[in-house]
Amino acid sequence: MPSFNSSESELLKSLLEPLLEDFQYWFERSHTFLESTEISFLAADQQADLLARVAQAQLEVSAAQSLFKAIGGQAGIETSVLAPWHRLISECWQISHRYRLAGSPHSIQMQSQE
């Protein structure tokens, strides 16, 4: 592991901590949406699979946050780890957007939360 000077460590913390918090926020929103909403254009097994992937990503982000804090922000996270989380959030956003466009009874509530 490379050694970081304090300015590099602070830069890493200022970028990575908020990014991980954003991942947690969007995964939590997606988890709540998928758990509480019947999405007519997804088969039940597709929705269950997406929910399971979101739940797994939440665990992974939590682990990354814990490790990052435990080592005092002295190491980053490979983009190869971040990219799948980003793709999953994008997938959830697309489904939420499609759900709103379909004019579901809950679409007004969903829009006001975003």
C-alpha atoms as a PDB file:
ATOM      1  CA  MET A   1       0.000   0.000   0.000  1.00  0.00           C
ATOM      2  CA  PRO A   2       1.474   3.377  -0.966  1.00  0.00           C
ATOM      3  CA  SER A   3       2.018   5.919   1.757  1.00  0.00           C
ATOM      4  CA  PHE A   4      -0.043   9.068   1.551  1.00  0.00           C
ATOM      5  CA  ASN A   5       0.930  12.450   2.857  1.00  0.00           C
ATOM      6  CA  SER A   6      -1.694  14.334   4.830  1.00  0.00           C
ATOM      7  CA  SER A   7      -2.868  16.489   1.891  1.00  0.00           C
ATOM      8  CA  GLU A   8      -3.383  13.404  -0.303  1.00  0.00           C
ATOM      9  CA  SER A   9      -5.238  11.699   2.531  1.00  0.00           C
ATOM     10  CA  GLU A  10      -7.483  14.724   3.038  1.00  0.00           C
ATOM     11  CA  LEU A  11      -8.209  14.917  -0.690  1.00  0.00           C
ATOM     12  CA  LEU A  12      -9.080  11.230  -0.741  1.00  0.00           C
ATOM     13  CA  LYS A  13     -11.368  11.643   2.268  1.00  0.00           C
ATOM     14  CA  SER A  14     -13.044  14.704   0.758  1.00  0.00           C
ATOM     15  CA  LEU A  15     -13.860  12.742  -2.396  1.00  0.00           C
ATOM     16  CA  LEU A  16     -14.421   9.191  -1.270  1.00  0.00           C
ATOM     17  CA  GLU A  17     -16.419   9.692   1.921  1.00  0.00           C
ATOM     18  CA  PRO A  18     -19.202  11.685   0.217  1.00  0.00           C
ATOM     19  CA  LEU A  19     -19.212   9.277  -2.725  1.00  0.00           C
ATOM     20  CA  LEU A  20     -19.745   6.296  -0.441  1.00  0.00           C
ATOM     21  CA  GLU A  21     -22.454   8.196   1.440  1.00  0.00           C
ATOM     22  CA  ASP A  22     -24.176   8.924  -1.888  1.00  0.00           C
ATOM     23  CA  PHE A  23     -24.054   5.246  -2.818  1.00  0.00           C
ATOM     24  CA  GLN A  24     -25.632   4.367   0.534  1.00  0.00           C
ATOM     25  CA  TYR A  25     -28.340   7.003   0.086  1.00  0.00           C
ATOM     26  CA  TRP A  26     -29.336   5.845  -3.416  1.00  0.00           C
ATOM     27  CA  PHE A  27     -29.161   2.177  -2.541  1.00  0.00           C
ATOM     28  CA  GLU A  28     -31.394   2.772   0.494  1.00  0.00           C
ATOM     29  CA  ARG A  29     -33.927   4.652  -1.652  1.00  0.00           C
ATOM     30  CA  SER A  30     -33.825   1.915  -4.268  1.00  0.00           C
ATOM     31  CA  HIS A  31     -34.180  -0.789  -1.616  1.00  0.00           C
ATOM     32  CA  THR A  32     -37.228   0.928  -0.113  1.00  0.00           C
ATOM     33  CA  PHE A  33     -38.805   1.450  -3.542  1.00  0.00           C
ATOM     34  CA  LEU A  34     -38.235  -2.130  -4.679  1.00  0.00           C
ATOM     35  CA  GLU A  35     -39.417  -3.604  -1.394  1.00  0.00           C
ATOM     36  CA  SER A  36     -42.597  -1.546  -1.139  1.00  0.00           C
ATOM     37  CA  THR A  37     -43.710  -1.192  -4.760  1.00  0.00           C
ATOM     38  CA  GLU A  38     -45.111  -3.668  -7.230  1.00  0.00           C
ATOM     39  CA  ILE A  39     -43.533  -2.791 -10.559  1.00  0.00           C
ATOM     40  CA  SER A  40     -45.871  -4.038 -13.251  1.00  0.00           C
ATOM     41  CA  PHE A  41     -43.316  -4.146 -16.064  1.00  0.00           C
ATOM     42  CA  LEU A  42     -40.924  -6.359 -14.060  1.00  0.00           C
ATOM     43  CA  ALA A  43     -41.592 -10.016 -13.405  1.00  0.00           C
ATOM     44  CA  ALA A  44     -41.617 -10.836  -9.695  1.00  0.00           C
ATOM     45  CA  ASP A  45     -38.335 -12.741 -10.010  1.00  0.00           C
ATOM     46  CA  GLN A  46     -36.710  -9.799 -11.841  1.00  0.00           C
ATOM     47  CA  GLN A  47     -37.754  -7.409  -9.092  1.00  0.00           C
ATOM     48  CA  ALA A  48     -36.576  -9.845  -6.418  1.00  0.00           C
ATOM     49  CA  ASP A  49     -33.225 -10.211  -8.188  1.00  0.00           C
ATOM     50  CA  LEU A  50     -32.784  -6.455  -8.423  1.00  0.00           C
ATOM     51  CA  LEU A  51     -33.679  -6.071  -4.751  1.00  0.00           C
ATOM     52  CA  ALA A  52     -31.146  -8.778  -3.837  1.00  0.00           C
ATOM     53  CA  ARG A  53     -28.444  -7.039  -5.882  1.00  0.00           C
ATOM     54  CA  VAL A  54     -29.216  -3.724  -4.187  1.00  0.00           C
ATOM     55  CA  ALA A  55     -29.074  -5.360  -0.751  1.00  0.00           C
ATOM     56  CA  GLN A  56     -25.713  -6.958  -1.623  1.00  0.00           C
ATOM     57  CA  ALA A  57     -24.360  -3.623  -2.853  1.00  0.00           C
ATOM     58  CA  GLN A  58     -25.479  -1.976   0.402  1.00  0.00           C
ATOM     59  CA  LEU A  59     -23.436  -4.531   2.345  1.00  0.00           C
ATOM     60  CA  GLU A  60     -20.433  -3.967   0.087  1.00  0.00           C
ATOM     61  CA  VAL A  61     -20.604  -0.187   0.460  1.00  0.00           C
ATOM     62  CA  SER A  62     -20.933  -0.544   4.235  1.00  0.00           C
ATOM     63  CA  ALA A  63     -17.863  -2.764   4.302  1.00  0.00           C
ATOM     64  CA  ALA A  64     -15.921  -0.294   2.154  1.00  0.00           C
ATOM     65  CA  GLN A  65     -16.937   2.569   4.458  1.00  0.00           C
ATOM     66  CA  SER A  66     -15.868   0.615   7.529  1.00  0.00           C
ATOM     67  CA  LEU A  67     -12.507  -0.297   6.023  1.00  0.00           C
ATOM     68  CA  PHE A  68     -11.915   3.237   4.798  1.00  0.00           C
ATOM     69  CA  LYS A  69     -12.572   4.600   8.279  1.00  0.00           C
ATOM     70  CA  ALA A  70     -10.548   1.859   9.982  1.00  0.00           C
ATOM     71  CA  ILE A  71      -7.439   2.736   7.994  1.00  0.00           C
ATOM     72  CA  GLY A  72      -7.957   6.454   8.427  1.00  0.00           C
ATOM     73  CA  GLY A  73      -8.607   7.159   4.773  1.00  0.00           C
ATOM     74  CA  GLN A  74      -5.118   6.015   3.793  1.00  0.00           C
ATOM     75  CA  ALA A  75      -6.257   3.977   0.772  1.00  0.00           C
ATOM     76  CA  GLY A  76      -8.731   4.431  -2.018  1.00  0.00           C
ATOM     77  CA  ILE A  77     -11.145   2.096  -3.742  1.00  0.00           C
ATOM     78  CA  GLU A  78     -10.483   0.746  -7.209  1.00  0.00           C
ATOM     79  CA  THR A  79     -12.786   2.025  -9.922  1.00  0.00           C
ATOM     80  CA  SER A  80     -13.443  -1.616 -10.812  1.00  0.00           C
ATOM     81  CA  VAL A  81     -15.260  -1.834  -7.458  1.00  0.00           C
ATOM     82  CA  LEU A  82     -17.127   1.468  -7.836  1.00  0.00           C
ATOM     83  CA  ALA A  83     -18.279   0.950 -11.437  1.00  0.00           C
ATOM     84  CA  PRO A  84     -20.734  -1.925 -10.740  1.00  0.00           C
ATOM     85  CA  TRP A  85     -22.330   0.117  -7.943  1.00  0.00           C
ATOM     86  CA  HIS A  86     -22.754   3.030 -10.316  1.00  0.00           C
ATOM     87  CA  ARG A  87     -24.293   0.779 -12.977  1.00  0.00           C
ATOM     88  CA  LEU A  88     -26.702  -0.688 -10.430  1.00  0.00           C
ATOM     89  CA  ILE A  89     -27.821   2.755  -9.288  1.00  0.00           C
ATOM     90  CA  SER A  90     -28.316   3.764 -12.924  1.00  0.00           C
ATOM     91  CA  GLU A  91     -30.417   0.655 -13.487  1.00  0.00           C
ATOM     92  CA  CYS A  92     -32.560   1.521 -10.458  1.00  0.00           C
ATOM     93  CA  TRP A  93     -32.958   5.115 -11.636  1.00  0.00           C
ATOM     94  CA  GLN A  94     -34.084   3.914 -15.062  1.00  0.00           C
ATOM     95  CA  ILE A  95     -36.675   1.599 -13.524  1.00  0.00           C
ATOM     96  CA  SER A  96     -37.934   4.351 -11.225  1.00  0.00           C
ATOM     97  CA  HIS A  97     -38.160   6.733 -14.171  1.00  0.00           C
ATOM     98  CA  ARG A  98     -40.035   4.192 -16.274  1.00  0.00           C
ATOM     99  CA  TYR A  99     -42.353   3.519 -13.321  1.00  0.00           C
ATOM    100  CA  ARG A 100     -43.177   7.239 -13.052  1.00  0.00           C
ATOM    101  CA  LEU A 101     -43.720   7.523 -16.804  1.00  0.00           C
ATOM    102  CA  ALA A 102     -46.144   4.610 -16.656  1.00  0.00           C
ATOM    103  CA  GLY A 103     -48.359   6.825 -14.499  1.00  0.00           C
ATOM    104  CA  SER A 104     -48.581   4.565 -11.509  1.00  0.00           C
ATOM    105  CA  PRO A 105     -50.764   5.688  -8.597  1.00  0.00           C
ATOM    106  CA  HIS A 106     -47.614   6.201  -6.531  1.00  0.00           C
ATOM    107  CA  SER A 107     -45.799   8.296  -9.167  1.00  0.00           C
ATOM    108  CA  ILE A 108     -46.720  11.629  -7.555  1.00  0.00           C
ATOM    109  CA  GLN A 109     -45.393  10.443  -4.209  1.00  0.00           C
ATOM    110  CA  MET A 110     -42.191   9.170  -5.845  1.00  0.00           C
ATOM    111  CA  GLN A 111     -41.573  12.482  -7.613  1.00  0.00           C
ATOM    112  CA  SER A 112     -42.019  14.519  -4.465  1.00  0.00           C
ATOM    113  CA  GLN A 113     -39.399  12.379  -2.685  1.00  0.00           C
ATOM    114  CA  GLU A 114     -36.740  12.941  -5.348  1.00  0.00           C
END
